[in-house]
Each structure stands twice: as structure tokens, then as C-alpha cells.
PDB file of N, CA and C in Angstrom:
ATOM      1  N   MET A   1     -31.077   8.533  -7.188  1.00  0.00           N
ATOM      2  CA  MET A   1     -30.541   8.484  -5.842  1.00  0.00           C
ATOM      3  C   MET A   1     -30.174   7.054  -5.454  1.00  0.00           C
ATOM      4  N   ILE A   2     -30.996   6.088  -5.838  1.00  0.00           N
ATOM      5  CA  ILE A   2     -30.724   4.686  -5.513  1.00  0.00           C
ATOM      6  C   ILE A   2     -29.444   4.225  -6.207  1.00  0.00           C
ATOM      7  N   GLU A   3     -29.261   4.631  -7.480  1.00  0.00           N
ATOM      8  CA  GLU A   3     -28.050   4.244  -8.207  1.00  0.00           C
ATOM      9  C   GLU A   3     -26.818   4.859  -7.557  1.00  0.00           C
ATOM     10  N   HIS A   4     -26.911   6.115  -7.137  1.00  0.00           N
ATOM     11  CA  HIS A   4     -25.796   6.783  -6.471  1.00  0.00           C
ATOM     12  C   HIS A   4     -25.442   6.081  -5.157  1.00  0.00           C
ATOM     13  N   GLN A   5     -26.434   5.696  -4.375  1.00  0.00           N
ATOM     14  CA  GLN A   5     -26.180   4.988  -3.113  1.00  0.00           C
ATOM     15  C   GLN A   5     -25.529   3.635  -3.364  1.00  0.00           C
ATOM     16  N   LYS A   6     -25.948   2.950  -4.426  1.00  0.00           N
ATOM     17  CA  LYS A   6     -25.353   1.661  -4.767  1.00  0.00           C
ATOM     18  C   LYS A   6     -23.882   1.837  -5.155  1.00  0.00           C
ATOM     19  N   GLN A   7     -23.577   2.891  -5.911  1.00  0.00           N
ATOM     20  CA  GLN A   7     -22.193   3.170  -6.284  1.00  0.00           C
ATOM     21  C   GLN A   7     -21.344   3.489  -5.056  1.00  0.00           C
ATOM     22  N   MET A   8     -21.885   4.246  -4.129  1.00  0.00           N
ATOM     23  CA  MET A   8     -21.151   4.587  -2.906  1.00  0.00           C
ATOM     24  C   MET A   8     -20.869   3.334  -2.075  1.00  0.00           C
ATOM     25  N   GLU A   9     -21.808   2.401  -2.039  1.00  0.00           N
ATOM     26  CA  GLU A   9     -21.586   1.145  -1.331  1.00  0.00           C
ATOM     27  C   GLU A   9     -20.495   0.324  -2.008  1.00  0.00           C
ATOM     28  N   THR A  10     -20.433   0.388  -3.333  1.00  0.00           N
ATOM     29  CA  THR A  10     -19.444  -0.387  -4.076  1.00  0.00           C
ATOM     30  C   THR A  10     -18.037   0.118  -3.815  1.00  0.00           C
ATOM     31  N   PHE A  11     -17.815   1.435  -3.880  1.00  0.00           N
ATOM     32  CA  PHE A  11     -16.448   1.923  -3.704  1.00  0.00           C
ATOM     33  C   PHE A  11     -16.071   2.172  -2.259  1.00  0.00           C
ATOM     34  N   GLY A  12     -17.029   2.244  -1.358  1.00  0.00           N
ATOM     35  CA  GLY A  12     -16.716   2.397   0.064  1.00  0.00           C
ATOM     36  C   GLY A  12     -15.862   3.612   0.345  1.00  0.00           C
ATOM     37  N   ASP A  13     -14.740   3.421   1.023  1.00  0.00           N
ATOM     38  CA  ASP A  13     -13.863   4.554   1.341  1.00  0.00           C
ATOM     39  C   ASP A  13     -12.713   4.703   0.340  1.00  0.00           C
ATOM     40  N   ARG A  14     -12.805   4.014  -0.807  1.00  0.00           N
ATOM     41  CA  ARG A  14     -11.755   4.101  -1.831  1.00  0.00           C
ATOM     42  C   ARG A  14     -11.916   5.307  -2.736  1.00  0.00           C
ATOM     43  N   ASN A  15     -13.104   5.851  -2.864  1.00  0.00           N
ATOM     44  CA  ASN A  15     -13.425   7.004  -3.710  1.00  0.00           C
ATOM     45  C   ASN A  15     -13.570   6.690  -5.193  1.00  0.00           C
ATOM     46  N   SER A  16     -13.266   5.463  -5.632  1.00  0.00           N
ATOM     47  CA  SER A  16     -13.439   5.138  -7.042  1.00  0.00           C
ATOM     48  C   SER A  16     -13.424   3.627  -7.241  1.00  0.00           C
ATOM     49  N   TYR A  17     -13.923   3.208  -8.395  1.00  0.00           N
ATOM     50  CA  TYR A  17     -13.839   1.811  -8.817  1.00  0.00           C
ATOM     51  C   TYR A  17     -14.077   1.752 -10.310  1.00  0.00           C
ATOM     52  N   SER A  18     -13.634   0.673 -10.912  1.00  0.00           N
ATOM     53  CA  SER A  18     -13.841   0.487 -12.346  1.00  0.00           C
ATOM     54  C   SER A  18     -15.132  -0.292 -12.571  1.00  0.00           C
ATOM     55  N   LYS A  19     -15.874   0.084 -13.588  1.00  0.00           N
ATOM     56  CA  LYS A  19     -17.119  -0.636 -13.886  1.00  0.00           C
ATOM     57  C   LYS A  19     -16.841  -2.047 -14.407  1.00  0.00           C
ATOM     58  N   THR A  20     -15.656  -2.271 -14.997  1.00  0.00           N
ATOM     59  CA  THR A  20     -15.325  -3.594 -15.511  1.00  0.00           C
ATOM     60  C   THR A  20     -14.657  -4.475 -14.462  1.00  0.00           C
ATOM     61  N   ASP A  21     -14.049  -3.887 -13.433  1.00  0.00           N
ATOM     62  CA  ASP A  21     -13.428  -4.635 -12.334  1.00  0.00           C
ATOM     63  C   ASP A  21     -13.694  -3.848 -11.053  1.00  0.00           C
ATOM     64  N   GLN A  22     -14.772  -4.146 -10.395  1.00  0.00           N
ATOM     65  CA  GLN A  22     -15.207  -3.332  -9.267  1.00  0.00           C
ATOM     66  C   GLN A  22     -14.291  -3.428  -8.051  1.00  0.00           C
ATOM     67  N   ASP A  23     -13.381  -4.385  -8.020  1.00  0.00           N
ATOM     68  CA  ASP A  23     -12.425  -4.466  -6.920  1.00  0.00           C
ATOM     69  C   ASP A  23     -11.229  -3.541  -7.123  1.00  0.00           C
ATOM     70  N   SER A  24     -10.990  -3.104  -8.350  1.00  0.00           N
ATOM     71  CA  SER A  24      -9.851  -2.224  -8.615  1.00  0.00           C
ATOM     72  C   SER A  24     -10.195  -0.784  -8.245  1.00  0.00           C
ATOM     73  N   THR A  25      -9.150   0.020  -8.127  1.00  0.00           N
ATOM     74  CA  THR A  25      -9.286   1.432  -7.805  1.00  0.00           C
ATOM     75  C   THR A  25      -8.550   2.236  -8.866  1.00  0.00           C
ATOM     76  N   PHE A  26      -9.077   3.393  -9.238  1.00  0.00           N
ATOM     77  CA  PHE A  26      -8.381   4.230 -10.205  1.00  0.00           C
ATOM     78  C   PHE A  26      -7.145   4.833  -9.557  1.00  0.00           C
ATOM     79  N   MET A  27      -5.998   4.624 -10.211  1.00  0.00           N
ATOM     80  CA  MET A  27      -4.723   5.103  -9.693  1.00  0.00           C
ATOM     81  C   MET A  27      -3.929   5.749 -10.813  1.00  0.00           C
ATOM     82  N   ARG A  28      -3.061   6.662 -10.421  1.00  0.00           N
ATOM     83  CA  ARG A  28      -2.129   7.254 -11.374  1.00  0.00           C
ATOM     84  C   ARG A  28      -0.920   6.322 -11.419  1.00  0.00           C
ATOM     85  N   VAL A  29      -0.771   5.624 -12.537  1.00  0.00           N
ATOM     86  CA  VAL A  29       0.309   4.657 -12.679  1.00  0.00           C
ATOM     87  C   VAL A  29       1.432   5.271 -13.503  1.00  0.00           C
ATOM     88  N   LYS A  30       2.526   4.548 -13.666  1.00  0.00           N
ATOM     89  CA  LYS A  30       3.664   5.062 -14.437  1.00  0.00           C
ATOM     90  C   LYS A  30       3.189   5.495 -15.817  1.00  0.00           C
ATOM     91  N   GLU A  31       3.881   6.472 -16.357  1.00  0.00           N
ATOM     92  CA  GLU A  31       3.479   7.023 -17.648  1.00  0.00           C
ATOM     93  C   GLU A  31       3.462   5.960 -18.745  1.00  0.00           C
ATOM     94  N   ASP A  32       2.438   6.014 -19.547  1.00  0.00           N
ATOM     95  CA  ASP A  32       2.340   5.108 -20.677  1.00  0.00           C
ATOM     96  C   ASP A  32       3.028   5.753 -21.890  1.00  0.00           C
ATOM     97  N   PRO A  33       3.204   5.023 -22.987  1.00  0.00           N
ATOM     98  CA  PRO A  33       3.900   5.584 -24.161  1.00  0.00           C
ATOM     99  C   PRO A  33       3.252   6.842 -24.730  1.00  0.00           C
ATOM    100  N   MET A  34       1.947   7.013 -24.517  1.00  0.00           N
ATOM    101  CA  MET A  34       1.265   8.194 -25.036  1.00  0.00           C
ATOM    102  C   MET A  34       1.462   9.415 -24.147  1.00  0.00           C
ATOM    103  N   LEU A  35       2.009   9.227 -22.960  1.00  0.00           N
ATOM    104  CA  LEU A  35       2.287  10.309 -21.996  1.00  0.00           C
ATOM    105  C   LEU A  35       1.050  11.127 -21.662  1.00  0.00           C
ATOM    106  N   ASN A  36      -0.110  10.478 -21.555  1.00  0.00           N
ATOM    107  CA  ASN A  36      -1.324  11.230 -21.268  1.00  0.00           C
ATOM    108  C   ASN A  36      -1.646  11.284 -19.782  1.00  0.00           C
ATOM    109  N   GLY A  37      -0.958  10.545 -18.950  1.00  0.00           N
ATOM    110  CA  GLY A  37      -1.089  10.650 -17.504  1.00  0.00           C
ATOM    111  C   GLY A  37      -2.483  10.412 -16.958  1.00  0.00           C
ATOM    112  N   GLN A  38      -3.230   9.547 -17.565  1.00  0.00           N
ATOM    113  CA  GLN A  38      -4.590   9.291 -17.109  1.00  0.00           C
ATOM    114  C   GLN A  38      -4.608   8.333 -15.931  1.00  0.00           C
ATOM    115  N   LEU A  39      -5.693   8.420 -15.171  1.00  0.00           N
ATOM    116  CA  LEU A  39      -5.915   7.447 -14.113  1.00  0.00           C
ATOM    117  C   LEU A  39      -6.381   6.147 -14.750  1.00  0.00           C
ATOM    118  N   LYS A  40      -5.892   5.034 -14.207  1.00  0.00           N
ATOM    119  CA  LYS A  40      -6.263   3.734 -14.752  1.00  0.00           C
ATOM    120  C   LYS A  40      -6.673   2.811 -13.613  1.00  0.00           C
ATOM    121  N   PRO A  41      -7.622   1.889 -13.863  1.00  0.00           N
ATOM    122  CA  PRO A  41      -7.983   0.936 -12.815  1.00  0.00           C
ATOM    123  C   PRO A  41      -6.792   0.020 -12.540  1.00  0.00           C
ATOM    124  N   ALA A  42      -6.439  -0.115 -11.258  1.00  0.00           N
ATOM    125  CA  ALA A  42      -5.244  -0.887 -10.917  1.00  0.00           C
ATOM    126  C   ALA A  42      -5.316  -1.369  -9.471  1.00  0.00           C
ATOM    127  N   TYR A  43      -4.315  -2.143  -9.107  1.00  0.00           N
ATOM    128  CA  TYR A  43      -4.117  -2.599  -7.734  1.00  0.00           C
ATOM    129  C   TYR A  43      -2.722  -2.188  -7.306  1.00  0.00           C
ATOM    130  N   ASN A  44      -2.513  -2.028  -6.023  1.00  0.00           N
ATOM    131  CA  ASN A  44      -1.205  -1.695  -5.485  1.00  0.00           C
ATOM    132  C   ASN A  44      -0.587  -2.993  -4.971  1.00  0.00           C
ATOM    133  N   LEU A  45       0.404  -3.518  -5.673  1.00  0.00           N
ATOM    134  CA  LEU A  45       1.066  -4.763  -5.315  1.00  0.00           C
ATOM    135  C   LEU A  45       2.233  -4.483  -4.383  1.00  0.00           C
ATOM    136  N   GLN A  46       2.252  -5.148  -3.254  1.00  0.00           N
ATOM    137  CA  GLN A  46       3.348  -5.039  -2.296  1.00  0.00           C
ATOM    138  C   GLN A  46       4.044  -6.397  -2.232  1.00  0.00           C
ATOM    139  N   ILE A  47       5.380  -6.384  -2.245  1.00  0.00           N
ATOM    140  CA  ILE A  47       6.153  -7.620  -2.195  1.00  0.00           C
ATOM    141  C   ILE A  47       7.228  -7.482  -1.128  1.00  0.00           C
ATOM    142  N   ALA A  48       7.341  -8.489  -0.276  1.00  0.00           N
ATOM    143  CA  ALA A  48       8.414  -8.540   0.721  1.00  0.00           C
ATOM    144  C   ALA A  48       9.460  -9.524   0.224  1.00  0.00           C
ATOM    145  N   THR A  49      10.723  -9.095   0.239  1.00  0.00           N
ATOM    146  CA  THR A  49      11.796  -9.957  -0.235  1.00  0.00           C
ATOM    147  C   THR A  49      12.911 -10.046   0.795  1.00  0.00           C
ATOM    148  N   ASN A  50      13.713 -11.097   0.667  1.00  0.00           N
ATOM    149  CA  ASN A  50      14.912 -11.270   1.470  1.00  0.00           C
ATOM    150  C   ASN A  50      15.908 -12.025   0.604  1.00  0.00           C
ATOM    151  N   ASN A  51      17.060 -11.408   0.341  1.00  0.00           N
ATOM    152  CA  ASN A  51      18.070 -12.000  -0.543  1.00  0.00           C
ATOM    153  C   ASN A  51      17.465 -12.410  -1.894  1.00  0.00           C
ATOM    154  N   GLN A  52      16.648 -11.575  -2.432  1.00  0.00           N
ATOM    155  CA  GLN A  52      16.008 -11.727  -3.733  1.00  0.00           C
ATOM    156  C   GLN A  52      14.992 -12.864  -3.797  1.00  0.00           C
ATOM    157  N   PHE A  53      14.567 -13.374  -2.645  1.00  0.00           N
ATOM    158  CA  PHE A  53      13.499 -14.364  -2.582  1.00  0.00           C
ATOM    159  C   PHE A  53      12.229 -13.666  -2.099  1.00  0.00           C
ATOM    160  N   VAL A  54      11.122 -13.953  -2.715  1.00  0.00           N
ATOM    161  CA  VAL A  54       9.848 -13.367  -2.311  1.00  0.00           C
ATOM    162  C   VAL A  54       9.342 -14.102  -1.073  1.00  0.00           C
ATOM    163  N   LEU A  55       9.129 -13.350   0.005  1.00  0.00           N
ATOM    164  CA  LEU A  55       8.630 -13.919   1.254  1.00  0.00           C
ATOM    165  C   LEU A  55       7.112 -13.831   1.344  1.00  0.00           C
ATOM    166  N   GLY A  56       6.558 -12.831   0.715  1.00  0.00           N
ATOM    167  CA  GLY A  56       5.116 -12.629   0.758  1.00  0.00           C
ATOM    168  C   GLY A  56       4.710 -11.509  -0.169  1.00  0.00           C
ATOM    169  N   PHE A  57       3.427 -11.445  -0.452  1.00  0.00           N
ATOM    170  CA  PHE A  57       2.920 -10.376  -1.305  1.00  0.00           C
ATOM    171  C   PHE A  57       1.505 -10.018  -0.861  1.00  0.00           C
ATOM    172  N   GLY A  58       1.065  -8.857  -1.280  1.00  0.00           N
ATOM    173  CA  GLY A  58      -0.289  -8.414  -0.986  1.00  0.00           C
ATOM    174  C   GLY A  58      -0.793  -7.509  -2.094  1.00  0.00           C
ATOM    175  N   LEU A  59      -2.056  -7.645  -2.429  1.00  0.00           N
ATOM    176  CA  LEU A  59      -2.711  -6.765  -3.389  1.00  0.00           C
ATOM    177  C   LEU A  59      -3.650  -5.851  -2.623  1.00  0.00           C
ATOM    178  N   PHE A  60      -3.530  -4.552  -2.856  1.00  0.00           N
ATOM    179  CA  PHE A  60      -4.309  -3.583  -2.106  1.00  0.00           C
ATOM    180  C   PHE A  60      -5.066  -2.666  -3.041  1.00  0.00           C
ATOM    181  N   GLN A  61      -6.184  -2.151  -2.537  1.00  0.00           N
ATOM    182  CA  GLN A  61      -6.997  -1.219  -3.310  1.00  0.00           C
ATOM    183  C   GLN A  61      -6.570   0.222  -3.060  1.00  0.00           C
ATOM    184  N   ARG A  62      -5.685   0.445  -2.139  1.00  0.00           N
ATOM    185  CA  ARG A  62      -5.203   1.792  -1.823  1.00  0.00           C
ATOM    186  C   ARG A  62      -4.083   2.207  -2.767  1.00  0.00           C
ATOM    187  N   PRO A  63      -4.150   3.396  -3.353  1.00  0.00           N
ATOM    188  CA  PRO A  63      -3.088   3.824  -4.263  1.00  0.00           C
ATOM    189  C   PRO A  63      -1.800   4.238  -3.547  1.00  0.00           C
ATOM    190  N   THR A  64      -1.883   4.644  -2.294  1.00  0.00           N
ATOM    191  CA  THR A  64      -0.691   5.104  -1.588  1.00  0.00           C
ATOM    192  C   THR A  64      -0.083   3.985  -0.748  1.00  0.00           C
ATOM    193  N   ASP A  65       1.242   3.931  -0.728  1.00  0.00           N
ATOM    194  CA  ASP A  65       1.936   2.904   0.041  1.00  0.00           C
ATOM    195  C   ASP A  65       1.771   3.094   1.544  1.00  0.00           C
ATOM    196  N   THR A  66       1.580   4.316   1.978  1.00  0.00           N
ATOM    197  CA  THR A  66       1.452   4.604   3.409  1.00  0.00           C
ATOM    198  C   THR A  66       0.340   3.787   4.053  1.00  0.00           C
ATOM    199  N   LYS A  67      -0.773   3.638   3.350  1.00  0.00           N
ATOM    200  CA  LYS A  67      -1.939   2.938   3.904  1.00  0.00           C
ATOM    201  C   LYS A  67      -1.869   1.421   3.750  1.00  0.00           C
ATOM    202  N   THR A  68      -0.847   0.911   3.058  1.00  0.00           N
ATOM    203  CA  THR A  68      -0.751  -0.535   2.851  1.00  0.00           C
ATOM    204  C   THR A  68       0.224  -1.211   3.817  1.00  0.00           C
ATOM    205  N   LEU A  69       1.108  -0.447   4.437  1.00  0.00           N
ATOM    206  CA  LEU A  69       2.178  -1.058   5.240  1.00  0.00           C
ATOM    207  C   LEU A  69       1.658  -1.882   6.414  1.00  0.00           C
ATOM    208  N   ILE A  70       0.771  -1.330   7.224  1.00  0.00           N
ATOM    209  CA  ILE A  70       0.310  -2.025   8.432  1.00  0.00           C
ATOM    210  C   ILE A  70      -0.446  -3.314   8.092  1.00  0.00           C
ATOM    211  N   PRO A  71      -1.417  -3.302   7.159  1.00  0.00           N
ATOM    212  CA  PRO A  71      -2.061  -4.574   6.831  1.00  0.00           C
ATOM    213  C   PRO A  71      -1.085  -5.582   6.222  1.00  0.00           C
ATOM    214  N   PHE A  72      -0.104  -5.100   5.463  1.00  0.00           N
ATOM    215  CA  PHE A  72       0.872  -5.998   4.860  1.00  0.00           C
ATOM    216  C   PHE A  72       1.769  -6.620   5.936  1.00  0.00           C
ATOM    217  N   LEU A  73       2.219  -5.822   6.888  1.00  0.00           N
ATOM    218  CA  LEU A  73       3.033  -6.353   7.989  1.00  0.00           C
ATOM    219  C   LEU A  73       2.242  -7.374   8.800  1.00  0.00           C
ATOM    220  N   SER A  74       0.977  -7.122   8.996  1.00  0.00           N
ATOM    221  CA  SER A  74       0.125  -8.047   9.728  1.00  0.00           C
ATOM    222  C   SER A  74       0.044  -9.394   9.007  1.00  0.00           C
ATOM    223  N   THR A  75      -0.133  -9.348   7.695  1.00  0.00           N
ATOM    224  CA  THR A  75      -0.183 -10.579   6.900  1.00  0.00           C
ATOM    225  C   THR A  75       1.139 -11.333   6.983  1.00  0.00           C
ATOM    226  N   LEU A  76       2.256 -10.612   6.859  1.00  0.00           N
ATOM    227  CA  LEU A  76       3.563 -11.255   6.939  1.00  0.00           C
ATOM    228  C   LEU A  76       3.796 -11.854   8.321  1.00  0.00           C
ATOM    229  N   SER A  77       3.380 -11.149   9.345  1.00  0.00           N
ATOM    230  CA  SER A  77       3.543 -11.633  10.711  1.00  0.00           C
ATOM    231  C   SER A  77       2.719 -12.897  10.945  1.00  0.00           C
ATOM    232  N   ASN A  78       1.508 -12.934  10.435  1.00  0.00           N
ATOM    233  CA  ASN A  78       0.633 -14.099  10.605  1.00  0.00           C
ATOM    234  C   ASN A  78       1.164 -15.339   9.900  1.00  0.00           C
ATOM    235  N   THR A  79       1.950 -15.146   8.846  1.00  0.00           N
ATOM    236  CA  THR A  79       2.518 -16.278   8.114  1.00  0.00           C
ATOM    237  C   THR A  79       3.977 -16.532   8.490  1.00  0.00           C
ATOM    238  N   ASN A  80       4.445 -15.866   9.539  1.00  0.00           N
ATOM    239  CA  ASN A  80       5.837 -15.996  10.009  1.00  0.00           C
ATOM    240  C   ASN A  80       6.854 -15.651   8.925  1.00  0.00           C
ATOM    241  N   ALA A  81       6.525 -14.707   8.068  1.00  0.00           N
ATOM    242  CA  ALA A  81       7.423 -14.288   6.995  1.00  0.00           C
ATOM    243  C   ALA A  81       8.006 -12.903   7.250  1.00  0.00           C
ATOM    244  N   LEU A  82       7.729 -12.317   8.404  1.00  0.00           N
ATOM    245  CA  LEU A  82       8.213 -10.966   8.706  1.00  0.00           C
ATOM    246  C   LEU A  82       9.644 -11.036   9.212  1.00  0.00           C
ATOM    247  N   ALA A  83      10.548 -10.402   8.484  1.00  0.00           N
ATOM    248  CA  ALA A  83      11.970 -10.408   8.829  1.00  0.00           C
ATOM    249  C   ALA A  83      12.237  -9.500  10.025  1.00  0.00           C
ATOM    250  N   GLU A  84      13.428  -9.633  10.595  1.00  0.00           N
ATOM    251  CA  GLU A  84      13.806  -8.825  11.754  1.00  0.00           C
ATOM    252  C   GLU A  84      13.885  -7.342  11.402  1.00  0.00           C
ATOM    253  N   HIS A  85      14.366  -7.035  10.203  1.00  0.00           N
ATOM    254  CA  HIS A  85      14.493  -5.647   9.754  1.00  0.00           C
ATOM    255  C   HIS A  85      13.387  -5.345   8.748  1.00  0.00           C
ATOM    256  N   ILE A  86      12.628  -4.318   9.021  1.00  0.00           N
ATOM    257  CA  ILE A  86      11.568  -3.868   8.118  1.00  0.00           C
ATOM    258  C   ILE A  86      12.130  -2.666   7.368  1.00  0.00           C
ATOM    259  N   VAL A  87      12.458  -2.863   6.106  1.00  0.00           N
ATOM    260  CA  VAL A  87      13.093  -1.819   5.303  1.00  0.00           C
ATOM    261  C   VAL A  87      12.116  -1.359   4.234  1.00  0.00           C
ATOM    262  N   ALA A  88      11.906  -0.050   4.150  1.00  0.00           N
ATOM    263  CA  ALA A  88      11.000   0.516   3.148  1.00  0.00           C
ATOM    264  C   ALA A  88      11.469   1.925   2.808  1.00  0.00           C
ATOM    265  N   ASP A  89      11.006   2.449   1.678  1.00  0.00           N
ATOM    266  CA  ASP A  89      11.381   3.813   1.305  1.00  0.00           C
ATOM    267  C   ASP A  89      10.474   4.824   1.995  1.00  0.00           C
ATOM    268  N   ALA A  90      10.749   6.097   1.763  1.00  0.00           N
ATOM    269  CA  ALA A  90      10.041   7.173   2.461  1.00  0.00           C
ATOM    270  C   ALA A  90       8.556   7.220   2.138  1.00  0.00           C
ATOM    271  N   GLY A  91       8.118   6.583   1.076  1.00  0.00           N
ATOM    272  CA  GLY A  91       6.702   6.545   0.729  1.00  0.00           C
ATOM    273  C   GLY A  91       5.857   5.819   1.767  1.00  0.00           C
ATOM    274  N   TYR A  92       6.491   5.031   2.608  1.00  0.00           N
ATOM    275  CA  TYR A  92       5.786   4.288   3.654  1.00  0.00           C
ATOM    276  C   TYR A  92       5.826   5.018   4.994  1.00  0.00           C
ATOM    277  N   GLY A  93       6.571   6.102   5.064  1.00  0.00           N
ATOM    278  CA  GLY A  93       6.756   6.815   6.321  1.00  0.00           C
ATOM    279  C   GLY A  93       5.540   7.629   6.725  1.00  0.00           C
ATOM    280  N   SER A  94       5.003   7.304   7.887  1.00  0.00           N
ATOM    281  CA  SER A  94       3.924   8.098   8.474  1.00  0.00           C
ATOM    282  C   SER A  94       3.959   7.865   9.978  1.00  0.00           C
ATOM    283  N   GLU A  95       3.421   8.792  10.719  1.00  0.00           N
ATOM    284  CA  GLU A  95       3.398   8.667  12.168  1.00  0.00           C
ATOM    285  C   GLU A  95       2.663   7.394  12.597  1.00  0.00           C
ATOM    286  N   ALA A  96       1.556   7.099  11.941  1.00  0.00           N
ATOM    287  CA  ALA A  96       0.783   5.899  12.280  1.00  0.00           C
ATOM    288  C   ALA A  96       1.602   4.633  12.034  1.00  0.00           C
ATOM    289  N   ASN A  97       2.336   4.598  10.930  1.00  0.00           N
ATOM    290  CA  ASN A  97       3.147   3.420  10.636  1.00  0.00           C
ATOM    291  C   ASN A  97       4.292   3.258  11.626  1.00  0.00           C
ATOM    292  N   TYR A  98       4.996   4.364  11.927  1.00  0.00           N
ATOM    293  CA  TYR A  98       6.101   4.297  12.896  1.00  0.00           C
ATOM    294  C   TYR A  98       5.578   3.839  14.256  1.00  0.00           C
ATOM    295  N   ARG A  99       4.458   4.403  14.676  1.00  0.00           N
ATOM    296  CA  ARG A  99       3.896   4.081  15.992  1.00  0.00           C
ATOM    297  C   ARG A  99       3.444   2.622  16.060  1.00  0.00           C
ATOM    298  N   THR A 100       2.785   2.145  15.008  1.00  0.00           N
ATOM    299  CA  THR A 100       2.313   0.765  14.998  1.00  0.00           C
ATOM    300  C   THR A 100       3.477  -0.216  15.051  1.00  0.00           C
ATOM    301  N   ILE A 101       4.520   0.052  14.286  1.00  0.00           N
ATOM    302  CA  ILE A 101       5.688  -0.838  14.305  1.00  0.00           C
ATOM    303  C   ILE A 101       6.330  -0.818  15.687  1.00  0.00           C
ATOM    304  N   GLU A 102       6.461   0.363  16.261  1.00  0.00           N
ATOM    305  CA  GLU A 102       7.062   0.491  17.594  1.00  0.00           C
ATOM    306  C   GLU A 102       6.232  -0.232  18.651  1.00  0.00           C
ATOM    307  N   ASP A 103       4.913  -0.143  18.566  1.00  0.00           N
ATOM    308  CA  ASP A 103       4.035  -0.739  19.577  1.00  0.00           C
ATOM    309  C   ASP A 103       3.798  -2.237  19.374  1.00  0.00           C
ATOM    310  N   ASN A 104       3.662  -2.684  18.135  1.00  0.00           N
ATOM    311  CA  ASN A 104       3.233  -4.056  17.862  1.00  0.00           C
ATOM    312  C   ASN A 104       4.329  -4.996  17.377  1.00  0.00           C
ATOM    313  N   TYR A 105       5.459  -4.452  16.972  1.00  0.00           N
ATOM    314  CA  TYR A 105       6.531  -5.290  16.432  1.00  0.00           C
ATOM    315  C   TYR A 105       7.838  -4.946  17.150  1.00  0.00           C
ATOM    316  N   GLN A 106       7.864  -5.140  18.468  1.00  0.00           N
ATOM    317  CA  GLN A 106       9.013  -4.754  19.292  1.00  0.00           C
ATOM    318  C   GLN A 106      10.292  -5.498  18.918  1.00  0.00           C
ATOM    319  N   HIS A 107      10.180  -6.709  18.402  1.00  0.00           N
ATOM    320  CA  HIS A 107      11.362  -7.511  18.080  1.00  0.00           C
ATOM    321  C   HIS A 107      11.849  -7.279  16.654  1.00  0.00           C
ATOM    322  N   HIS A 108      11.312  -6.241  16.010  1.00  0.00           N
ATOM    323  CA  HIS A 108      11.701  -5.908  14.647  1.00  0.00           C
ATOM    324  C   HIS A 108      12.209  -4.478  14.625  1.00  0.00           C
ATOM    325  N   GLN A 109      13.161  -4.227  13.744  1.00  0.00           N
ATOM    326  CA  GLN A 109      13.707  -2.885  13.604  1.00  0.00           C
ATOM    327  C   GLN A 109      13.236  -2.281  12.289  1.00  0.00           C
ATOM    328  N   ALA A 110      12.607  -1.124  12.370  1.00  0.00           N
ATOM    329  CA  ALA A 110      12.110  -0.433  11.176  1.00  0.00           C
ATOM    330  C   ALA A 110      13.181   0.505  10.639  1.00  0.00           C
ATOM    331  N   ILE A 111      13.466   0.377   9.371  1.00  0.00           N
ATOM    332  CA  ILE A 111      14.393   1.267   8.679  1.00  0.00           C
ATOM    333  C   ILE A 111      13.589   1.931   7.570  1.00  0.00           C
ATOM    334  N   ILE A 112      12.880   2.970   7.955  1.00  0.00           N
ATOM    335  CA  ILE A 112      12.007   3.708   7.045  1.00  0.00           C
ATOM    336  C   ILE A 112      12.301   5.191   7.238  1.00  0.00           C
ATOM    337  N   PRO A 113      12.883   5.855   6.247  1.00  0.00           N
ATOM    338  CA  PRO A 113      13.197   7.276   6.415  1.00  0.00           C
ATOM    339  C   PRO A 113      11.931   8.138   6.428  1.00  0.00           C
ATOM    340  N   TYR A 114      12.033   9.273   7.068  1.00  0.00           N
ATOM    341  CA  TYR A 114      10.942  10.242   7.008  1.00  0.00           C
ATOM    342  C   TYR A 114      10.886  10.822   5.609  1.00  0.00           C
ATOM    343  N   GLY A 115       9.707  11.228   5.191  1.00  0.00           N
ATOM    344  CA  GLY A 115       9.540  11.794   3.857  1.00  0.00           C
ATOM    345  C   GLY A 115      10.320  13.058   3.614  1.00  0.00           C
ATOM    346  N   THR A 116      10.677  13.770   4.677  1.00  0.00           N
ATOM    347  CA  THR A 116      11.419  15.036   4.542  1.00  0.00           C
ATOM    348  C   THR A 116      12.908  14.862   4.774  1.00  0.00           C
ATOM    349  N   THR A 117      13.412  13.631   4.817  1.00  0.00           N
ATOM    350  CA  THR A 117      14.829  13.391   5.097  1.00  0.00           C
ATOM    351  C   THR A 117      15.745  14.044   4.087  1.00  0.00           C
ATOM    352  N   GLU A 118      15.403  14.004   2.804  1.00  0.00           N
ATOM    353  CA  GLU A 118      16.273  14.516   1.748  1.00  0.00           C
ATOM    354  C   GLU A 118      16.116  16.019   1.492  1.00  0.00           C
ATOM    355  N   ARG A 119      15.141  16.657   2.116  1.00  0.00           N
ATOM    356  CA  ARG A 119      14.920  18.082   1.855  1.00  0.00           C
ATOM    357  C   ARG A 119      15.999  18.933   2.505  1.00  0.00           C
ATOM    358  N   CYS A 120      16.369  19.997   1.836  1.00  0.00           N
ATOM    359  CA  CYS A 120      17.391  20.920   2.369  1.00  0.00           C
ATOM    360  C   CYS A 120      16.749  22.176   2.891  1.00  0.00           C
TER     361      CYS A 120
END
């Protein structure tokens, strides 16, 4: 029971961690040459660019992009690297993200499609 509680404290709300790199989270990454589709310990790297120049980056323990947008925007805003237009693909679209951008970043325009935009 003590070992289980220690493991739960280590992974927190991430649901997983690697024993060799406890900060990483198991994620389904792009297919490897063996095509076995296994989960691998990884980080979710986010990069903000403008005219092919990197303005900022962030490493996250969350496998989904939806949960990384708000902390990443906060980091960019704190370093004055947040551009006027916030452009992202549908993987970042969520009600919480749209609402936060609308409420906290009034001088920025979000161009993030809804996840169901392409559905017929």
C-alpha cells in the first residue's frame, strides 16, 4: 500500500510515468518502424513561431494539445512573445480554451477551428 501511494504521488493527475524518467508521461507517439503502436515515455513539445522564427517553446507532461494551450499562452504572454493572432489546429479547440482566450487575451484574435468543422 505504501508503494502504491508513493507511485500515485509521483504521477499525480497524469495517470502514468516512466521509471527511468519520472517527469515523462506515457504517450502514443507517431508509429515507429516496427508498427507496434506502443505507448512510450515522452513529452509534448509546443512551439510558437512567426515567419519561421521560434518565439517560444514549452515542454508539457500532458499528451493532448487541448490541455497545453492555456499554460503555453500564459508563458508566451509573460515573456511578451504572444502574437496578435493565435493560430492553432483543431486539436487545441475546446470550450475552456476558447473562453480563456476570449476572457484573458482581448487584444488577440484566436484562429482555432472547432474539432467538428470538417465533419459532414
